[in-house]
């Protein structure tokens, strides 16, 4: 466990203990009156926590939800942090709670879709994403996520239509291009994915994960040299070695099997993404 994660875990334990004491509290009315009232964090505090790791953010936003269960921003942010921790079922619950008081909250619907996609059950998120699309017809985000969800449930034509519409609303959008590329990848077409990912990484807001996805597309085609250049620019040496070894293994397995279309699966894509977090 890294030092940062260990400290975050200790912070979580400390906050849990303090929270438990505050809830159970002494029975004395005098002591209860003396207890300081719990108030929402300031905008500055919220912004500061927004820059921390998912564990710290989940603790912070959980507290904010406790202070004000009807706070939609806190509910959506909690769902996001839980999803990034891999706690997808809890993320769905947190986002659904927002819809109890704000049934037309598009951001909460998007988080429901993301969480279901992340847990490999995109079918259950399609309804929320389609509702978000109807409520925000000029927003590219529901369409981008619908493309991923449709692809996961093998509605390839619907996925392409969703991504094309998203790109019409937001031309050259790096996130949409990345999502479409990863669908190409899982469909056994790393060359097609490479074309889309090159467009994505050329955008000014391209993320490190998009560049690493390009490295994956290159590596699976045997272009290890170019993939290595990308990986070593974005990852520290030990993480770079793990990623490169993974790519070499996949390339060897593909060459041995002799069937390129079976080389990439959703499980392998998830494994690739998890490597960068180690």
Protein backbone atom coordinates (compact mmCIF):
# COMPACT_ATOMS: atom_id res chain seq x y z
CA UNK A 1 0.00 0.00 0.00
CA UNK A 2 1.41 3.44 -0.94
CA UNK A 3 2.07 6.09 1.68
CA UNK A 4 -0.68 8.29 0.21
CA UNK A 5 -3.25 5.48 0.28
CA UNK A 6 -2.25 4.54 3.81
CA UNK A 7 -2.72 8.12 4.98
CA UNK A 8 -6.08 8.30 3.20
CA UNK A 9 -7.16 5.08 4.91
CA UNK A 10 -6.16 6.48 8.29
CA UNK A 11 -8.12 9.63 7.53
CA UNK A 12 -11.14 7.52 6.67
CA UNK A 13 -10.85 5.59 9.96
CA UNK A 14 -10.47 8.81 11.92
CA UNK A 15 -13.46 10.42 10.29
CA UNK A 16 -15.53 7.30 10.83
CA UNK A 17 -14.70 7.24 14.53
CA UNK A 18 -15.39 10.95 14.96
CA UNK A 19 -18.63 10.62 13.01
CA UNK A 20 -19.70 7.71 15.17
CA UNK A 21 -19.09 9.66 18.34
CA UNK A 22 -21.01 12.63 17.01
CA UNK A 23 -23.98 10.47 16.11
CA UNK A 24 -24.13 8.43 19.30
CA UNK A 25 -23.09 11.33 21.54
CA UNK A 26 -23.70 11.56 25.27
CA UNK A 27 -27.27 11.46 26.40
CA UNK A 28 -26.87 14.67 28.34
CA UNK A 29 -28.97 17.48 26.87
CA UNK A 30 -26.42 19.99 28.11
CA UNK A 31 -23.65 18.29 26.13
CA UNK A 32 -25.84 18.08 23.03
CA UNK A 33 -26.49 21.80 23.22
CA UNK A 34 -22.77 22.47 23.49
CA UNK A 35 -21.98 20.37 20.40
CA UNK A 36 -21.09 22.48 17.36
CA UNK A 37 -23.68 22.31 14.57
CA UNK A 38 -22.58 20.54 11.40
CA UNK A 39 -22.58 22.88 8.41
CA UNK A 40 -21.78 22.32 4.73
CA UNK A 41 -18.24 22.95 3.57
CA UNK A 42 -17.39 26.23 1.89
CA UNK A 43 -16.88 26.53 -1.85
CA UNK A 44 -13.13 26.78 -1.26
CA UNK A 45 -13.09 23.58 0.80
CA UNK A 46 -15.10 21.76 -1.85
CA UNK A 47 -12.71 22.89 -4.56
CA UNK A 48 -9.72 21.73 -2.50
CA UNK A 49 -11.18 18.27 -1.93
CA UNK A 50 -11.99 18.01 -5.63
CA UNK A 51 -8.27 17.74 -6.29
CA UNK A 52 -7.70 14.80 -3.93
CA UNK A 53 -7.80 11.05 -4.54
CA UNK A 54 -11.13 9.17 -4.80
CA UNK A 55 -10.92 7.75 -1.27
CA UNK A 56 -10.50 11.17 0.33
CA UNK A 57 -13.24 12.59 -1.87
CA UNK A 58 -15.65 9.77 -0.99
CA UNK A 59 -15.18 10.50 2.73
CA UNK A 60 -15.63 14.24 2.22
CA UNK A 61 -18.71 14.01 0.00
CA UNK A 62 -20.26 11.38 2.24
CA UNK A 63 -20.04 13.89 5.09
CA UNK A 64 -21.59 16.58 2.89
CA UNK A 65 -24.49 14.28 2.05
CA UNK A 66 -24.98 13.58 5.77
CA UNK A 67 -25.10 17.32 6.48
CA UNK A 68 -27.62 17.91 3.68
CA UNK A 69 -29.10 14.78 2.04
CA UNK A 70 -30.89 16.99 -0.50
CA UNK A 71 -27.61 18.52 -1.81
CA UNK A 72 -27.49 17.32 -5.45
CA UNK A 73 -23.88 18.36 -6.02
CA UNK A 74 -22.70 16.35 -3.02
CA UNK A 75 -24.74 13.34 -4.09
CA UNK A 76 -23.36 13.33 -7.63
CA UNK A 77 -19.79 13.90 -6.43
CA UNK A 78 -20.13 11.04 -3.94
CA UNK A 79 -21.40 8.74 -6.69
CA UNK A 80 -18.43 9.73 -8.88
CA UNK A 81 -15.88 9.05 -6.13
CA UNK A 82 -17.44 5.69 -5.26
CA UNK A 83 -17.38 4.66 -8.91
CA UNK A 84 -13.72 5.59 -9.19
CA UNK A 85 -13.06 3.39 -6.15
CA UNK A 86 -14.76 0.50 -7.94
CA UNK A 87 -17.78 0.59 -5.60
CA UNK A 88 -20.22 0.72 -8.50
CA UNK A 89 -23.31 -0.59 -6.71
CA UNK A 90 -22.94 2.06 -4.01
CA UNK A 91 -22.36 4.69 -6.70
CA UNK A 92 -25.68 3.79 -8.33
CA UNK A 93 -27.46 4.11 -4.98
CA UNK A 94 -25.89 7.52 -4.30
CA UNK A 95 -26.89 8.84 -7.73
CA UNK A 96 -30.40 7.43 -7.46
CA UNK A 97 -30.81 9.22 -4.13
CA UNK A 98 -30.21 12.52 -5.92
CA UNK A 99 -33.09 11.73 -8.30
CA UNK A 100 -35.46 11.36 -5.35
CA UNK A 101 -35.33 15.13 -4.76
CA UNK A 102 -34.28 16.18 -8.29
CA UNK A 103 -35.85 13.70 -10.74
CA UNK A 104 -34.50 15.61 -13.75
CA UNK A 105 -30.87 15.87 -12.61
CA UNK A 106 -28.92 14.95 -15.75
CA UNK A 107 -25.57 14.61 -13.94
CA UNK A 108 -27.04 12.00 -11.59
CA UNK A 109 -28.40 10.07 -14.57
CA UNK A 110 -24.98 10.12 -16.21
CA UNK A 111 -23.39 8.74 -13.04
CA UNK A 112 -25.96 5.92 -12.96
CA UNK A 113 -25.03 5.08 -16.55
CA UNK A 114 -21.30 5.23 -15.86
CA UNK A 115 -21.56 3.00 -12.80
CA UNK A 116 -23.59 0.34 -14.60
CA UNK A 117 -21.16 0.42 -17.52
CA UNK A 118 -18.22 0.11 -15.13
CA UNK A 119 -19.70 -2.97 -13.45
CA UNK A 120 -20.29 -4.61 -16.83
CA UNK A 121 -24.09 -4.28 -16.65
CA UNK A 122 -24.66 -1.43 -19.10
CA UNK A 123 -28.17 -2.64 -19.92
CA UNK A 124 -29.39 -1.33 -16.57
CA UNK A 125 -27.95 2.13 -17.22
CA UNK A 126 -29.39 2.67 -20.69
CA UNK A 127 -32.74 3.92 -19.39
CA UNK A 128 -31.13 6.66 -17.30
CA UNK A 129 -28.83 7.68 -20.17
CA UNK A 130 -31.68 7.83 -22.67
CA UNK A 131 -33.66 9.95 -20.22
CA UNK A 132 -30.64 12.27 -19.86
CA UNK A 133 -30.41 12.51 -23.64
CA UNK A 134 -34.06 13.57 -23.81
CA UNK A 135 -33.62 16.19 -21.10
CA UNK A 136 -30.39 17.59 -22.59
CA UNK A 137 -30.64 17.14 -26.38
CA UNK A 138 -27.65 19.41 -27.08
CA UNK A 139 -25.36 17.72 -24.52
CA UNK A 140 -22.85 15.30 -26.06
CA UNK A 141 -22.18 13.41 -22.79
CA UNK A 142 -25.32 11.21 -22.71
CA UNK A 143 -24.71 10.25 -26.34
CA UNK A 144 -21.07 9.38 -25.71
CA UNK A 145 -22.00 7.15 -22.78
CA UNK A 146 -24.94 5.64 -24.67
CA UNK A 147 -22.49 4.60 -27.35
CA UNK A 148 -20.47 2.69 -24.76
CA UNK A 149 -23.59 1.15 -23.23
CA UNK A 150 -25.03 0.11 -26.59
CA UNK A 151 -21.70 -1.40 -27.58
CA UNK A 152 -21.58 -3.38 -24.34
CA UNK A 153 -25.01 -4.90 -25.03
CA UNK A 154 -24.04 -5.60 -28.67
CA UNK A 155 -26.14 -2.89 -30.30
CA UNK A 156 -23.29 -1.83 -32.57
CA UNK A 157 -25.38 0.20 -35.03
CA UNK A 158 -26.98 2.17 -32.20
CA UNK A 159 -23.55 2.76 -30.69
CA UNK A 160 -22.17 4.19 -33.93
CA UNK A 161 -25.22 6.41 -34.35
CA UNK A 162 -24.85 7.74 -30.81
CA UNK A 163 -21.17 8.56 -31.27
CA UNK A 164 -21.78 10.19 -34.65
CA UNK A 165 -24.45 12.40 -33.10
CA UNK A 166 -22.13 13.22 -30.18
CA UNK A 167 -19.40 14.25 -32.61
CA UNK A 168 -21.90 16.38 -34.53
CA UNK A 169 -22.68 18.24 -31.30
CA UNK A 170 -19.02 18.38 -30.24
CA UNK A 171 -16.68 17.92 -33.22
CA UNK A 172 -13.34 16.21 -32.53
CA UNK A 173 -14.33 15.62 -28.91
CA UNK A 174 -11.49 13.60 -27.42
CA UNK A 175 -13.71 11.67 -24.98
CA UNK A 176 -16.16 10.60 -27.69
CA UNK A 177 -13.33 9.57 -30.00
CA UNK A 178 -11.72 7.60 -27.18
CA UNK A 179 -14.97 5.79 -26.35
CA UNK A 180 -15.56 4.90 -29.99
CA UNK A 181 -11.96 3.72 -30.30
CA UNK A 182 -12.19 1.42 -27.31
CA UNK A 183 -15.31 -0.12 -28.82
CA UNK A 184 -13.29 -0.74 -31.99
CA UNK A 185 -10.59 -2.29 -29.84
CA UNK A 186 -12.92 -4.70 -28.07
CA UNK A 187 -14.41 -5.55 -31.44
CA UNK A 188 -11.03 -6.85 -32.58
CA UNK A 189 -10.01 -3.84 -34.69
CA UNK A 190 -6.97 -2.20 -33.04
CA UNK A 191 -6.06 -0.57 -36.35
CA UNK A 192 -9.40 1.25 -36.50
CA UNK A 193 -8.99 2.15 -32.84
CA UNK A 194 -5.55 3.60 -33.60
CA UNK A 195 -7.02 5.98 -36.19
CA UNK A 196 -9.60 7.32 -33.75
CA UNK A 197 -7.15 7.53 -30.85
CA UNK A 198 -4.67 9.52 -32.91
CA UNK A 199 -7.45 12.04 -33.48
CA UNK A 200 -8.27 12.01 -29.77
CA UNK A 201 -4.72 12.56 -28.51
CA UNK A 202 -4.26 15.43 -30.96
CA UNK A 203 -6.90 17.42 -29.06
CA UNK A 204 -5.68 19.92 -26.44
CA UNK A 205 -7.71 18.28 -23.65
CA UNK A 206 -6.55 14.73 -24.34
CA UNK A 207 -5.82 12.76 -21.17
CA UNK A 208 -2.98 10.47 -20.23
CA UNK A 209 -5.37 7.49 -20.37
CA UNK A 210 -6.18 8.30 -24.00
CA UNK A 211 -2.49 8.32 -24.87
CA UNK A 212 -2.02 5.02 -23.08
CA UNK A 213 -4.99 3.58 -24.96
CA UNK A 214 -3.24 4.59 -28.18
CA UNK A 215 -0.16 2.76 -26.93
CA UNK A 216 -2.32 -0.31 -26.36
CA UNK A 217 -3.72 -0.13 -29.91
CA UNK A 218 -0.21 0.19 -31.29
CA UNK A 219 1.22 -2.58 -29.14
CA UNK A 220 -1.50 -5.06 -30.08
CA UNK A 221 -0.54 -4.51 -33.71
CA UNK A 222 3.09 -5.25 -32.95
CA UNK A 223 4.16 -1.59 -33.02
CA UNK A 224 5.91 -1.96 -29.69
CA UNK A 225 8.54 0.70 -30.38
CA UNK A 226 6.08 3.56 -30.76
CA UNK A 227 3.93 2.21 -27.92
CA UNK A 228 6.99 2.18 -25.65
CA UNK A 229 7.77 5.82 -26.42
CA UNK A 230 4.27 6.86 -25.33
CA UNK A 231 4.25 4.69 -22.22
CA UNK A 232 7.66 5.85 -20.97
CA UNK A 233 6.65 9.50 -21.38
CA UNK A 234 3.52 9.11 -19.27
CA UNK A 235 4.41 6.51 -16.64
CA UNK A 236 7.22 6.09 -14.10
CA UNK A 237 9.75 3.34 -14.91
CA UNK A 238 8.24 0.53 -12.83
CA UNK A 239 4.70 1.14 -14.13
CA UNK A 240 6.02 1.49 -17.68
CA UNK A 241 7.73 -1.90 -17.42
CA UNK A 242 4.52 -3.57 -16.21
CA UNK A 243 2.54 -2.10 -19.10
CA UNK A 244 5.15 -3.01 -21.68
CA UNK A 245 5.43 -6.56 -20.39
CA UNK A 246 1.64 -6.89 -20.55
CA UNK A 247 1.64 -5.68 -24.15
CA UNK A 248 4.44 -8.05 -25.12
CA UNK A 249 2.56 -10.97 -23.58
CA UNK A 250 -0.63 -10.06 -25.45
CA UNK A 251 1.29 -9.72 -28.72
CA UNK A 252 2.91 -13.14 -28.21
CA UNK A 253 -0.45 -14.74 -27.41
CA UNK A 254 -2.01 -13.16 -30.51
CA UNK A 255 0.82 -14.38 -32.70
CA UNK A 256 0.54 -17.88 -31.25
CA UNK A 257 -3.23 -18.00 -31.70
CA UNK A 258 -3.06 -16.47 -35.15
CA UNK A 259 -6.52 -14.91 -34.76
CA UNK A 260 -6.40 -11.14 -34.38
CA UNK A 261 -10.14 -10.66 -33.92
CA UNK A 262 -10.05 -12.62 -30.66
CA UNK A 263 -7.05 -10.77 -29.28
CA UNK A 264 -8.90 -8.01 -27.45
CA UNK A 265 -11.81 -8.44 -25.06
CA UNK A 266 -13.57 -6.09 -22.62
CA UNK A 267 -11.83 -7.94 -19.79
CA UNK A 268 -8.42 -7.22 -21.34
CA UNK A 269 -9.31 -3.55 -21.76
CA UNK A 270 -10.28 -3.36 -18.07
CA UNK A 271 -7.01 -5.07 -17.16
CA UNK A 272 -5.08 -2.54 -19.22
CA UNK A 273 -6.80 0.36 -17.47
CA UNK A 274 -6.12 -1.15 -14.05
CA UNK A 275 -2.40 -1.49 -14.79
CA UNK A 276 -1.91 2.27 -14.82
CA UNK A 277 -3.39 2.54 -11.34
CA UNK A 278 -0.92 0.15 -9.73
